Amino acid sequence: MQSIVLASTNKHKLEELGAMLDNYSVLPQNTFNVPEAFENGSTFAENSLIKAQNAHNHTRMAVIADDSGLVVPALAGEPGLYSSRFAGPCATDMENCDKLLKHMQNLSNEQRQAYFYCVITYITRDSVVHQFSGKMDGSIIKVPKATRGFGYDPIFTAKGYTTTIAKMPFEDKNLISHRFKALTQLKQLLCPTA
């Protein structure tokens, strides 16, 4: 089985990738003592590439990295690139959710529209770079519902659904997620006959 390095130690991302790329052995970068990359890009695509290039430079193996976040157009794109540290560098998921809800407390329902966005970078063993993106449209509710999921899942309702994605079964969420859409494109590259 061919191995791919995931330029992350996030167990949720590892789980999603492992489920999607079942013909590959997906290994977190700390397996190879890869240091965290310094993400100083100004877009999701740039940060995804920075993380992938960092892991590839240290391992010389095929690498996958993603950069993703929640975008609220009515807040000038916040939390955006800073989604995971919106309430501070060591903030918990709930602290990030609470800060966002506070920023949105006076917004109308129309202004509560939001989307998750993801860019996946795949670098081959031979250093060829591919990028794929995915988007999940929805809106931010006023009070968190459910504790399952991670990140902003308890306050995000996907377009066409009435419940938060935190209340959805893992398999159902994966079928509509921004990361799943980007990963589907990657899988077509890696397994064109699948």
Protein backbone atom coordinates (compact mmCIF):
# COMPACT_ATOMS: atom_id res chain seq x y z
CA MET A 1 0.00 0.00 0.00
CA GLN A 2 1.39 3.39 -1.02
CA SER A 3 1.96 5.96 1.72
CA ILE A 4 1.00 9.64 1.68
CA VAL A 5 2.02 12.14 4.34
CA LEU A 6 -0.70 14.39 5.73
CA ALA A 7 0.80 17.80 6.52
CA SER A 8 -1.15 17.97 9.77
CA THR A 9 -1.61 16.18 13.07
CA ASN A 10 -5.35 16.88 13.17
CA LYS A 11 -7.09 13.58 13.93
CA HIS A 12 -10.35 14.70 12.27
CA LYS A 13 -8.56 15.44 8.98
CA LEU A 14 -6.67 12.14 9.24
CA GLU A 15 -9.98 10.32 9.73
CA GLU A 16 -11.61 12.01 6.72
CA LEU A 17 -8.61 11.40 4.46
CA GLY A 18 -8.24 7.80 5.57
CA ALA A 19 -11.90 7.11 4.79
CA MET A 20 -11.66 8.72 1.34
CA LEU A 21 -8.28 7.36 0.26
CA ASP A 22 -8.68 3.79 1.45
CA ASN A 23 -6.14 2.50 -1.11
CA TYR A 24 -3.42 4.55 0.59
CA SER A 25 -1.77 4.61 3.97
CA VAL A 26 -2.20 8.20 5.18
CA LEU A 27 0.34 9.11 7.85
CA PRO A 28 0.41 12.31 9.94
CA GLN A 29 3.52 14.42 9.52
CA ASN A 30 4.63 13.94 13.15
CA THR A 31 5.36 10.31 12.20
CA PHE A 32 8.40 11.80 10.44
CA ASN A 33 9.13 14.57 12.98
CA VAL A 34 8.11 17.27 10.51
CA PRO A 35 7.99 20.66 12.27
CA GLU A 36 4.89 22.85 11.95
CA ALA A 37 4.98 25.15 8.94
CA PHE A 38 4.90 28.91 9.36
CA GLU A 39 1.65 29.86 7.64
CA ASN A 40 2.10 33.38 6.35
CA GLY A 41 0.05 33.16 3.16
CA SER A 42 -2.76 35.58 2.37
CA THR A 43 -5.11 32.95 0.90
CA PHE A 44 -6.21 29.39 1.70
CA ALA A 45 -4.35 28.21 -1.42
CA GLU A 46 -1.08 29.83 -0.32
CA ASN A 47 -1.25 28.40 3.21
CA SER A 48 -2.13 24.95 1.89
CA LEU A 49 0.91 25.04 -0.40
CA ILE A 50 3.19 26.27 2.40
CA LYS A 51 2.17 23.34 4.63
CA ALA A 52 2.50 20.78 1.83
CA GLN A 53 5.89 22.10 0.70
CA ASN A 54 7.19 22.04 4.28
CA ALA A 55 6.21 18.38 4.78
CA HIS A 56 7.49 17.40 1.32
CA ASN A 57 10.85 19.09 1.93
CA HIS A 58 11.30 17.12 5.15
CA THR A 59 10.09 13.72 3.92
CA ARG A 60 10.60 13.73 0.12
CA MET A 61 7.37 11.70 0.00
CA ALA A 62 3.97 12.35 -1.57
CA VAL A 63 2.16 14.87 0.64
CA ILE A 64 -1.37 16.19 1.14
CA ALA A 65 -2.13 19.44 2.96
CA ASP A 66 -5.27 21.43 3.33
CA ASP A 67 -6.14 24.86 4.50
CA SER A 68 -9.74 25.55 5.23
CA GLY A 69 -11.97 27.84 7.18
CA LEU A 70 -15.29 29.51 7.65
CA VAL A 71 -16.07 32.68 5.70
CA VAL A 72 -18.84 35.11 6.67
CA PRO A 73 -19.22 37.69 3.87
CA ALA A 74 -21.11 40.13 6.15
CA LEU A 75 -18.03 40.22 8.42
CA ALA A 76 -15.67 41.04 5.54
CA GLY A 77 -14.73 37.37 5.24
CA GLU A 78 -13.98 36.71 8.91
CA PRO A 79 -12.97 34.42 10.48
CA GLY A 80 -11.44 33.17 7.20
CA LEU A 81 -7.75 32.29 7.40
CA TYR A 82 -7.90 32.71 11.16
CA SER A 83 -10.81 30.32 11.72
CA SER A 84 -8.93 27.98 14.06
CA ARG A 85 -7.50 30.83 16.14
CA PHE A 86 -10.27 33.42 15.82
CA ALA A 87 -10.57 33.84 19.61
CA GLY A 88 -6.80 33.56 20.14
CA PRO A 89 -3.88 31.22 19.37
CA CYS A 90 -4.90 28.62 21.98
CA ALA A 91 -8.68 29.07 21.69
CA THR A 92 -11.01 26.09 21.95
CA ASP A 93 -13.61 25.38 19.27
CA MET A 94 -16.34 26.67 21.58
CA GLU A 95 -14.45 29.90 22.28
CA ASN A 96 -14.15 30.49 18.53
CA CYS A 97 -17.88 29.81 18.09
CA ASP A 98 -18.77 32.14 20.97
CA LYS A 99 -16.68 34.98 19.56
CA LEU A 100 -18.23 34.59 16.12
CA LEU A 101 -21.77 34.52 17.54
CA LYS A 102 -21.02 37.69 19.50
CA HIS A 103 -19.77 39.43 16.33
CA MET A 104 -22.95 38.36 14.52
CA GLN A 105 -25.53 39.07 17.23
CA ASN A 106 -27.00 42.11 15.44
CA LEU A 107 -27.01 40.63 11.93
CA SER A 108 -30.20 39.78 10.06
CA ASN A 109 -30.92 36.26 8.81
CA GLU A 110 -29.79 37.28 5.31
CA GLN A 111 -26.49 38.52 6.73
CA ARG A 112 -25.90 35.22 8.53
CA GLN A 113 -24.99 33.45 5.30
CA ALA A 114 -21.59 31.77 5.41
CA TYR A 115 -19.55 29.07 3.75
CA PHE A 116 -16.76 26.68 4.53
CA TYR A 117 -13.93 26.71 2.00
CA CYS A 118 -11.07 24.26 1.56
CA VAL A 119 -8.00 24.09 -0.65
CA ILE A 120 -6.10 20.81 -0.81
CA THR A 121 -2.56 20.68 -2.11
CA TYR A 122 -1.11 17.39 -3.27
CA ILE A 123 2.61 17.19 -4.02
CA THR A 124 3.83 14.02 -5.70
CA ARG A 125 7.01 12.24 -4.71
CA ASP A 126 8.53 13.89 -7.81
CA SER A 127 7.54 17.39 -6.56
CA VAL A 128 4.64 17.99 -8.97
CA VAL A 129 2.04 20.26 -7.34
CA HIS A 130 -1.74 19.89 -7.74
CA GLN A 131 -4.43 21.97 -5.99
CA PHE A 132 -8.15 21.33 -5.55
CA SER A 133 -10.86 23.36 -3.82
CA GLY A 134 -14.30 22.75 -2.34
CA LYS A 135 -17.05 24.90 -0.82
CA MET A 136 -20.04 24.22 1.45
CA ASP A 137 -22.66 26.97 1.57
CA GLY A 138 -24.89 27.57 4.57
CA SER A 139 -25.62 29.94 7.42
CA ILE A 140 -24.76 30.59 11.05
CA ILE A 141 -27.48 29.93 13.63
CA LYS A 142 -27.84 32.04 16.78
CA VAL A 143 -27.34 29.36 19.44
CA PRO A 144 -25.01 26.31 19.23
CA LYS A 145 -26.76 22.97 18.73
CA ALA A 146 -25.05 19.64 19.49
CA THR A 147 -21.54 19.05 20.70
CA ARG A 148 -20.46 16.53 18.09
CA GLY A 149 -18.23 17.54 15.22
CA PHE A 150 -15.49 20.10 15.57
CA GLY A 151 -14.68 23.69 14.76
CA TYR A 152 -17.79 25.67 13.86
CA ASP A 153 -19.97 22.59 13.22
CA PRO A 154 -22.36 23.32 16.17
CA ILE A 155 -23.37 26.71 14.72
CA PHE A 156 -23.34 26.01 10.96
CA THR A 157 -26.35 24.79 9.00
CA ALA A 158 -25.60 23.65 5.46
CA LYS A 159 -27.76 24.99 2.64
CA GLY A 160 -30.82 22.78 2.16
CA TYR A 161 -30.62 21.30 5.68
CA THR A 162 -32.46 22.22 8.87
CA THR A 163 -29.97 20.96 11.43
CA THR A 164 -26.37 21.89 12.18
CA ILE A 165 -23.68 19.76 10.64
CA ALA A 166 -22.63 18.82 14.19
CA LYS A 167 -25.91 16.88 14.50
CA MET A 168 -25.45 15.07 11.19
CA PRO A 169 -23.99 11.56 11.05
CA PHE A 170 -20.30 11.64 10.11
CA GLU A 171 -20.98 9.88 6.77
CA ASP A 172 -23.72 12.35 5.77
CA LYS A 173 -21.63 15.39 6.64
CA ASN A 174 -18.72 14.00 4.61
CA LEU A 175 -20.86 13.77 1.49
CA ILE A 176 -21.52 17.53 1.44
CA SER A 177 -18.43 18.97 3.11
CA HIS A 178 -16.02 21.38 1.49
CA ARG A 179 -13.14 19.01 2.24
CA PHE A 180 -14.99 16.06 0.70
CA LYS A 181 -15.54 18.03 -2.52
CA ALA A 182 -11.84 18.88 -2.77
CA LEU A 183 -10.84 15.33 -1.82
CA THR A 184 -13.13 13.89 -4.51
CA GLN A 185 -11.12 15.78 -7.12
CA LEU A 186 -7.87 14.51 -5.58
CA LYS A 187 -9.18 10.96 -5.57
CA GLN A 188 -10.01 11.25 -9.30
CA LEU A 189 -6.35 12.15 -9.88
CA LEU A 190 -4.99 9.34 -7.69
CA CYS A 191 -7.53 6.66 -8.63
CA PRO A 192 -8.97 7.61 -12.05
CA THR A 193 -10.82 4.31 -12.44
CA ALA A 194 -12.35 4.32 -8.92
